[in-house]
Amino acid sequence: MMMTIRWISNLSFFLIITCFFSCINQNSNVFTPVPDFSVFESDDNTIDFANIIENRNMPEWLAAYLTGGIAAVERLEGNINKYAFIAVNHGSNLSVLNKWAENFSAVRDFPMLAAARIENRMISAAALYPDDEYGLFFETMVKNAFSAEYPGTLKEGSHWIRIRQDNENAVEAAANYIYYILITINRAPMQATIRNLIIRSNAAVNVTAAQSHSINRLRQTFFEGF
């Protein structure tokens, strides 16, 4: 049975590469309502596992990610009390991608990953369009998440694979590299940071009674499925 792997088109994302290496082509689906840095996983972003044509000593965390997503990475023995984030970038120039991976900072660049995941959680918890569900709190929360500090982030490792795209006329020319970076953070400090963000963002805006109710519900259930 052919397996498929899904990667984050959002911090493929990524997002981060656009800040540093504009020469790399990215293939991302951008969700626009608030800051335009937020990107989400798409059902269309799949790769046939059989199209991986080069892979050297794939680490356990990447094998878990390619077969089960972030949840599988967080289930690994060493990550039980951690949140895991995967930064993804792709292109045809491996040396440029190596530079991106080398320069990726768990401190400087992590807020982009965190803000995208926080925004995604708010959207998934909303019964309505998030701007209607939460009012100005939604935009304020995402912007604050983007500029927040997240103590204890660790860049655990990086790895690349090479894939062959579906192009019968130019198989090798269409080959691309996909680079993955694993960042982890202990759950307790991450949750404390997010709780503070919710309190600060809520205090900074005026919302309706219904929106206030949704924000309170979000506060109580935020980490369920985060």
C-alpha atoms as a PDB file:
ATOM      1  CA  MET A   1       0.000   0.000   0.000  1.00  0.00           C
ATOM      2  CA  MET A   2       1.468   3.305  -0.996  1.00  0.00           C
ATOM      3  CA  MET A   3       1.945   5.651   1.904  1.00  0.00           C
ATOM      4  CA  THR A   4       1.620   9.371   1.638  1.00  0.00           C
ATOM      5  CA  ILE A   5       3.157  12.026   3.767  1.00  0.00           C
ATOM      6  CA  ARG A   6       1.771  15.393   4.616  1.00  0.00           C
ATOM      7  CA  TRP A   7       3.870  18.386   5.364  1.00  0.00           C
ATOM      8  CA  ILE A   8       2.991  21.751   6.753  1.00  0.00           C
ATOM      9  CA  SER A   9       2.636  24.157   3.888  1.00  0.00           C
ATOM     10  CA  ASN A  10       2.574  26.809   7.033  1.00  0.00           C
ATOM     11  CA  LEU A  11       5.955  27.140   8.627  1.00  0.00           C
ATOM     12  CA  SER A  12       6.134  25.059   5.120  1.00  0.00           C
ATOM     13  CA  PHE A  13       5.749  27.548   6.583  1.00  0.00           C
ATOM     14  CA  PHE A  14       7.549  28.356   5.596  1.00  0.00           C
ATOM     15  CA  LEU A  15       7.271  31.469   5.871  1.00  0.00           C
ATOM     16  CA  ILE A  16      10.535  31.882   7.631  1.00  0.00           C
ATOM     17  CA  ILE A  17      12.451  31.405   4.420  1.00  0.00           C
ATOM     18  CA  THR A  18      10.667  34.354   2.898  1.00  0.00           C
ATOM     19  CA  CYS A  19      12.285  36.534   5.510  1.00  0.00           C
ATOM     20  CA  PHE A  20      15.801  35.406   4.702  1.00  0.00           C
ATOM     21  CA  PHE A  21      16.070  33.747   1.306  1.00  0.00           C
ATOM     22  CA  SER A  22      13.581  35.107  -1.156  1.00  0.00           C
ATOM     23  CA  CYS A  23      15.234  33.104  -3.902  1.00  0.00           C
ATOM     24  CA  ILE A  24      13.695  29.835  -2.700  1.00  0.00           C
ATOM     25  CA  ASN A  25      10.357  28.935  -4.205  1.00  0.00           C
ATOM     26  CA  GLN A  26       7.705  27.952  -1.748  1.00  0.00           C
ATOM     27  CA  ASN A  27       4.421  26.187  -2.336  1.00  0.00           C
ATOM     28  CA  SER A  28       2.099  27.312   0.443  1.00  0.00           C
ATOM     29  CA  ASN A  29      -1.572  27.935   1.020  1.00  0.00           C
ATOM     30  CA  VAL A  30      -2.019  31.085   3.046  1.00  0.00           C
ATOM     31  CA  PHE A  31      -5.027  31.729   5.281  1.00  0.00           C
ATOM     32  CA  THR A  32      -5.464  35.463   5.341  1.00  0.00           C
ATOM     33  CA  PRO A  33      -7.806  36.919   7.954  1.00  0.00           C
ATOM     34  CA  VAL A  34      -5.294  38.459  10.318  1.00  0.00           C
ATOM     35  CA  PRO A  35      -1.504  38.601   9.891  1.00  0.00           C
ATOM     36  CA  ASP A  36      -0.458  37.155   6.571  1.00  0.00           C
ATOM     37  CA  PHE A  37       2.318  35.052   8.096  1.00  0.00           C
ATOM     38  CA  SER A  38      -0.105  32.328   9.133  1.00  0.00           C
ATOM     39  CA  VAL A  39      -0.153  29.197   6.993  1.00  0.00           C
ATOM     40  CA  PHE A  40      -2.019  25.955   7.460  1.00  0.00           C
ATOM     41  CA  GLU A  41      -1.712  22.351   6.475  1.00  0.00           C
ATOM     42  CA  SER A  42      -3.691  21.575   3.367  1.00  0.00           C
ATOM     43  CA  ASP A  43      -5.266  18.296   2.268  1.00  0.00           C
ATOM     44  CA  ASP A  44      -3.740  18.931  -1.149  1.00  0.00           C
ATOM     45  CA  ASN A  45      -0.169  19.027   0.137  1.00  0.00           C
ATOM     46  CA  THR A  46       0.667  15.331  -0.057  1.00  0.00           C
ATOM     47  CA  ILE A  47       3.682  13.488  -1.404  1.00  0.00           C
ATOM     48  CA  ASP A  48       3.776   9.885  -2.546  1.00  0.00           C
ATOM     49  CA  PHE A  49       6.139   8.094  -0.205  1.00  0.00           C
ATOM     50  CA  ALA A  50       7.460   6.196  -3.227  1.00  0.00           C
ATOM     51  CA  ASN A  51       8.677   9.496  -4.682  1.00  0.00           C
ATOM     52  CA  ILE A  52      11.364   9.914  -2.024  1.00  0.00           C
ATOM     53  CA  ILE A  53      14.502   9.257  -4.055  1.00  0.00           C
ATOM     54  CA  GLU A  54      17.167  10.230  -1.531  1.00  0.00           C
ATOM     55  CA  ASN A  55      17.234   9.928   2.240  1.00  0.00           C
ATOM     56  CA  ARG A  56      20.227   9.466   4.528  1.00  0.00           C
ATOM     57  CA  ASN A  57      19.746   7.982   7.987  1.00  0.00           C
ATOM     58  CA  MET A  58      16.332   9.463   8.652  1.00  0.00           C
ATOM     59  CA  PRO A  59      15.997  10.309  12.371  1.00  0.00           C
ATOM     60  CA  GLU A  60      13.208   8.808  14.434  1.00  0.00           C
ATOM     61  CA  TRP A  61      11.402  12.124  14.854  1.00  0.00           C
ATOM     62  CA  LEU A  62      11.187  12.689  11.106  1.00  0.00           C
ATOM     63  CA  ALA A  63      10.023   9.138  10.416  1.00  0.00           C
ATOM     64  CA  ALA A  64       7.313   9.703  13.022  1.00  0.00           C
ATOM     65  CA  TYR A  65       6.346  13.036  11.478  1.00  0.00           C
ATOM     66  CA  LEU A  66       6.150  11.673   7.938  1.00  0.00           C
ATOM     67  CA  THR A  67       3.856   8.852   9.011  1.00  0.00           C
ATOM     68  CA  GLY A  68       1.796  10.418  11.786  1.00  0.00           C
ATOM     69  CA  GLY A  69       2.308  14.178  11.871  1.00  0.00           C
ATOM     70  CA  ILE A  70       3.142  16.323  14.890  1.00  0.00           C
ATOM     71  CA  ALA A  71       1.064  14.124  17.199  1.00  0.00           C
ATOM     72  CA  ALA A  72       3.307  11.154  16.415  1.00  0.00           C
ATOM     73  CA  VAL A  73       6.433  13.211  17.146  1.00  0.00           C
ATOM     74  CA  GLU A  74       5.005  14.287  20.496  1.00  0.00           C
ATOM     75  CA  ARG A  75       4.268  10.668  21.384  1.00  0.00           C
ATOM     76  CA  LEU A  76       7.942   9.700  21.149  1.00  0.00           C
ATOM     77  CA  GLU A  77       9.405   8.775  24.516  1.00  0.00           C
ATOM     78  CA  GLY A  78      11.628  11.834  24.794  1.00  0.00           C
ATOM     79  CA  ASN A  79       8.837  14.248  23.905  1.00  0.00           C
ATOM     80  CA  ILE A  80       6.057  13.171  26.247  1.00  0.00           C
ATOM     81  CA  ASN A  81       6.187  16.434  28.216  1.00  0.00           C
ATOM     82  CA  LYS A  82       7.028  18.633  25.242  1.00  0.00           C
ATOM     83  CA  TYR A  83       5.336  20.344  22.343  1.00  0.00           C
ATOM     84  CA  ALA A  84       7.021  19.653  19.026  1.00  0.00           C
ATOM     85  CA  PHE A  85       7.099  21.981  16.034  1.00  0.00           C
ATOM     86  CA  ILE A  86       8.447  21.233  12.580  1.00  0.00           C
ATOM     87  CA  ALA A  87       9.715  23.996  10.328  1.00  0.00           C
ATOM     88  CA  VAL A  88       9.613  22.915   6.696  1.00  0.00           C
ATOM     89  CA  ASN A  89      11.200  24.406   3.608  1.00  0.00           C
ATOM     90  CA  HIS A  90      11.780  23.081   0.124  1.00  0.00           C
ATOM     91  CA  GLY A  91      13.562  23.962  -3.088  1.00  0.00           C
ATOM     92  CA  SER A  92      16.011  22.733  -5.702  1.00  0.00           C
ATOM     93  CA  ASN A  93      19.131  24.354  -4.227  1.00  0.00           C
ATOM     94  CA  LEU A  94      20.374  22.234  -1.338  1.00  0.00           C
ATOM     95  CA  SER A  95      23.185  24.615  -0.382  1.00  0.00           C
ATOM     96  CA  VAL A  96      20.702  27.457   0.122  1.00  0.00           C
ATOM     97  CA  LEU A  97      18.458  25.187   2.153  1.00  0.00           C
ATOM     98  CA  ASN A  98      21.455  24.171   4.262  1.00  0.00           C
ATOM     99  CA  LYS A  99      22.064  27.854   4.978  1.00  0.00           C
ATOM    100  CA  TRP A 100      18.431  28.291   5.970  1.00  0.00           C
ATOM    101  CA  ALA A 101      18.678  25.365   8.359  1.00  0.00           C
ATOM    102  CA  GLU A 102      21.959  26.593   9.833  1.00  0.00           C
ATOM    103  CA  ASN A 103      20.607  30.096  10.378  1.00  0.00           C
ATOM    104  CA  PHE A 104      17.265  28.989  11.773  1.00  0.00           C
ATOM    105  CA  SER A 105      17.057  30.194  15.362  1.00  0.00           C
ATOM    106  CA  ALA A 106      14.878  28.482  17.954  1.00  0.00           C
ATOM    107  CA  VAL A 107      14.613  31.840  19.724  1.00  0.00           C
ATOM    108  CA  ARG A 108      14.251  34.291  16.840  1.00  0.00           C
ATOM    109  CA  ASP A 109      12.201  32.203  14.408  1.00  0.00           C
ATOM    110  CA  PHE A 110      10.086  30.054  16.711  1.00  0.00           C
ATOM    111  CA  PRO A 111       7.351  32.687  17.300  1.00  0.00           C
ATOM    112  CA  MET A 112       6.241  32.252  13.679  1.00  0.00           C
ATOM    113  CA  LEU A 113       5.634  28.560  14.296  1.00  0.00           C
ATOM    114  CA  ALA A 114       3.969  29.198  17.637  1.00  0.00           C
ATOM    115  CA  ALA A 115       1.690  31.936  16.296  1.00  0.00           C
ATOM    116  CA  ALA A 116       0.539  29.760  13.390  1.00  0.00           C
ATOM    117  CA  ARG A 117      -0.323  26.895  15.730  1.00  0.00           C
ATOM    118  CA  ILE A 118      -2.083  29.218  18.165  1.00  0.00           C
ATOM    119  CA  GLU A 119      -4.126  30.757  15.356  1.00  0.00           C
ATOM    120  CA  ASN A 120      -4.978  27.328  14.009  1.00  0.00           C
ATOM    121  CA  ARG A 121      -6.210  26.269  17.450  1.00  0.00           C
ATOM    122  CA  MET A 122      -8.470  29.317  17.738  1.00  0.00           C
ATOM    123  CA  ILE A 123      -9.914  28.690  14.297  1.00  0.00           C
ATOM    124  CA  SER A 124     -10.553  25.010  14.993  1.00  0.00           C
ATOM    125  CA  ALA A 125     -12.326  25.902  18.263  1.00  0.00           C
ATOM    126  CA  ALA A 126     -14.563  28.529  16.654  1.00  0.00           C
ATOM    127  CA  ALA A 127     -18.117  27.767  15.611  1.00  0.00           C
ATOM    128  CA  LEU A 128     -18.181  30.909  13.439  1.00  0.00           C
ATOM    129  CA  TYR A 129     -15.652  32.760  11.341  1.00  0.00           C
ATOM    130  CA  PRO A 130     -12.964  33.634  13.938  1.00  0.00           C
ATOM    131  CA  ASP A 131     -13.291  37.406  13.503  1.00  0.00           C
ATOM    132  CA  ASP A 132     -16.982  37.026  14.367  1.00  0.00           C
ATOM    133  CA  GLU A 133     -16.426  34.433  17.089  1.00  0.00           C
ATOM    134  CA  TYR A 134     -13.774  36.361  19.019  1.00  0.00           C
ATOM    135  CA  GLY A 135     -13.973  39.912  17.678  1.00  0.00           C
ATOM    136  CA  LEU A 136     -10.778  41.978  17.938  1.00  0.00           C
ATOM    137  CA  PHE A 137      -9.385  39.445  20.405  1.00  0.00           C
ATOM    138  CA  PHE A 138      -8.573  37.112  17.509  1.00  0.00           C
ATOM    139  CA  GLU A 139      -6.333  39.542  15.654  1.00  0.00           C
ATOM    140  CA  THR A 140      -4.788  40.851  18.862  1.00  0.00           C
ATOM    141  CA  MET A 141      -4.017  37.363  20.173  1.00  0.00           C
ATOM    142  CA  VAL A 142      -2.308  36.251  16.966  1.00  0.00           C
ATOM    143  CA  LYS A 143      -0.238  39.435  16.736  1.00  0.00           C
ATOM    144  CA  ASN A 144       0.797  39.110  20.372  1.00  0.00           C
ATOM    145  CA  ALA A 145       1.715  35.464  19.816  1.00  0.00           C
ATOM    146  CA  PHE A 146       3.862  36.476  16.881  1.00  0.00           C
ATOM    147  CA  SER A 147       5.859  38.958  18.992  1.00  0.00           C
ATOM    148  CA  ALA A 148       5.981  36.938  22.220  1.00  0.00           C
ATOM    149  CA  GLU A 149       8.983  35.273  23.808  1.00  0.00           C
ATOM    150  CA  TYR A 150       8.881  31.531  24.410  1.00  0.00           C
ATOM    151  CA  PRO A 151      11.489  30.514  27.001  1.00  0.00           C
ATOM    152  CA  GLY A 152      13.084  27.105  26.648  1.00  0.00           C
ATOM    153  CA  THR A 153      12.758  26.437  22.922  1.00  0.00           C
ATOM    154  CA  LEU A 154      15.306  23.949  21.608  1.00  0.00           C
ATOM    155  CA  LYS A 155      16.397  23.235  18.054  1.00  0.00           C
ATOM    156  CA  GLU A 156      16.642  19.461  18.348  1.00  0.00           C
ATOM    157  CA  GLY A 157      17.735  18.520  14.852  1.00  0.00           C
ATOM    158  CA  SER A 158      17.309  18.923  11.110  1.00  0.00           C
ATOM    159  CA  HIS A 159      17.155  16.576   8.156  1.00  0.00           C
ATOM    160  CA  TRP A 160      16.384  16.686   4.464  1.00  0.00           C
ATOM    161  CA  ILE A 161      14.943  14.307   1.916  1.00  0.00           C
ATOM    162  CA  ARG A 162      14.888  14.513  -1.840  1.00  0.00           C
ATOM    163  CA  ILE A 163      11.699  13.851  -3.749  1.00  0.00           C
ATOM    164  CA  ARG A 164      10.783  13.306  -7.362  1.00  0.00           C
ATOM    165  CA  GLN A 165       7.785  15.294  -8.475  1.00  0.00           C
ATOM    166  CA  ASP A 166       5.226  13.882 -10.876  1.00  0.00           C
ATOM    167  CA  ASN A 167       6.701  14.979 -14.173  1.00  0.00           C
ATOM    168  CA  GLU A 168       7.193  12.239 -16.725  1.00  0.00           C
ATOM    169  CA  ASN A 169       9.099  14.483 -19.132  1.00  0.00           C
ATOM    170  CA  ALA A 170      11.622  15.897 -16.666  1.00  0.00           C
ATOM    171  CA  VAL A 171      11.837  13.576 -13.702  1.00  0.00           C
ATOM    172  CA  GLU A 172      15.271  14.564 -12.429  1.00  0.00           C
ATOM    173  CA  ALA A 173      14.836  18.225 -13.284  1.00  0.00           C
ATOM    174  CA  ALA A 174      11.708  18.273 -11.161  1.00  0.00           C
ATOM    175  CA  ALA A 175      13.446  16.763  -8.143  1.00  0.00           C
ATOM    176  CA  ASN A 176      13.180  18.893  -5.019  1.00  0.00           C
ATOM    177  CA  TYR A 177      14.681  18.838  -1.562  1.00  0.00           C
ATOM    178  CA  ILE A 178      12.498  19.132   1.519  1.00  0.00           C
ATOM    179  CA  TYR A 179      14.202  20.285   4.713  1.00  0.00           C
ATOM    180  CA  TYR A 180      12.759  19.696   8.168  1.00  0.00           C
ATOM    181  CA  ILE A 181      13.788  21.260  11.469  1.00  0.00           C
ATOM    182  CA  LEU A 182      12.532  19.959  14.807  1.00  0.00           C
ATOM    183  CA  ILE A 183      11.985  22.477  17.609  1.00  0.00           C
ATOM    184  CA  THR A 184      10.680  21.474  21.030  1.00  0.00           C
ATOM    185  CA  ILE A 185       9.547  23.329  24.121  1.00  0.00           C
ATOM    186  CA  ASN A 186       8.454  21.987  27.479  1.00  0.00           C
ATOM    187  CA  ARG A 187       4.690  22.010  27.893  1.00  0.00           C
ATOM    188  CA  ALA A 188       4.532  23.895  31.196  1.00  0.00           C
ATOM    189  CA  PRO A 189       6.313  27.097  30.068  1.00  0.00           C
ATOM    190  CA  MET A 190       4.538  27.043  26.694  1.00  0.00           C
ATOM    191  CA  GLN A 191       1.160  26.796  28.371  1.00  0.00           C
ATOM    192  CA  ALA A 192       2.058  29.556  30.822  1.00  0.00           C
ATOM    193  CA  THR A 193       3.056  31.830  27.947  1.00  0.00           C
ATOM    194  CA  ILE A 194      -0.184  31.178  26.075  1.00  0.00           C
ATOM    195  CA  ARG A 195      -2.322  31.747  29.168  1.00  0.00           C
ATOM    196  CA  ASN A 196      -0.615  35.097  29.686  1.00  0.00           C
ATOM    197  CA  LEU A 197      -1.187  35.951  26.023  1.00  0.00           C
ATOM    198  CA  ILE A 198      -4.889  35.222  26.376  1.00  0.00           C
ATOM    199  CA  ILE A 199      -5.191  37.405  29.475  1.00  0.00           C
ATOM    200  CA  ARG A 200      -3.201  40.271  27.945  1.00  0.00           C
ATOM    201  CA  SER A 201      -5.000  40.138  24.598  1.00  0.00           C
ATOM    202  CA  ASN A 202      -8.434  39.970  26.215  1.00  0.00           C
ATOM    203  CA  ALA A 203      -7.670  42.974  28.406  1.00  0.00           C
ATOM    204  CA  ALA A 204      -6.622  45.028  25.372  1.00  0.00           C
ATOM    205  CA  VAL A 205      -9.890  44.819  23.404  1.00  0.00           C
ATOM    206  CA  ASN A 206     -13.604  45.463  23.723  1.00  0.00           C
ATOM    207  CA  VAL A 207     -15.814  42.553  22.692  1.00  0.00           C
ATOM    208  CA  THR A 208     -19.493  41.665  22.794  1.00  0.00           C
ATOM    209  CA  ALA A 209     -20.998  39.445  25.480  1.00  0.00           C
ATOM    210  CA  ALA A 210     -21.178  36.533  23.038  1.00  0.00           C
ATOM    211  CA  GLN A 211     -17.560  37.022  22.022  1.00  0.00           C
ATOM    212  CA  SER A 212     -16.508  37.228  25.668  1.00  0.00           C
ATOM    213  CA  HIS A 213     -18.247  33.896  26.254  1.00  0.00           C
ATOM    214  CA  SER A 214     -16.344  32.329  23.337  1.00  0.00           C
ATOM    215  CA  ILE A 215     -13.039  33.691  24.637  1.00  0.00           C
ATOM    216  CA  ASN A 216     -13.708  32.278  28.106  1.00  0.00           C
ATOM    217  CA  ARG A 217     -14.574  28.911  26.593  1.00  0.00           C
ATOM    218  CA  LEU A 218     -11.366  29.021  24.565  1.00  0.00           C
ATOM    219  CA  ARG A 219      -9.360  29.834  27.677  1.00  0.00           C
ATOM    220  CA  GLN A 220     -10.733  26.754  29.433  1.00  0.00           C
ATOM    221  CA  THR A 221     -10.232  24.328  26.536  1.00  0.00           C
ATOM    222  CA  PHE A 222      -7.296  25.808  24.616  1.00  0.00           C
ATOM    223  CA  PHE A 223      -4.859  22.950  25.205  1.00  0.00           C
ATOM    224  CA  GLU A 224      -7.324  20.221  24.259  1.00  0.00           C
ATOM    225  CA  GLY A 225      -6.027  19.208  20.864  1.00  0.00           C
ATOM    226  CA  PHE A 226      -3.357  21.917  20.768  1.00  0.00           C
END
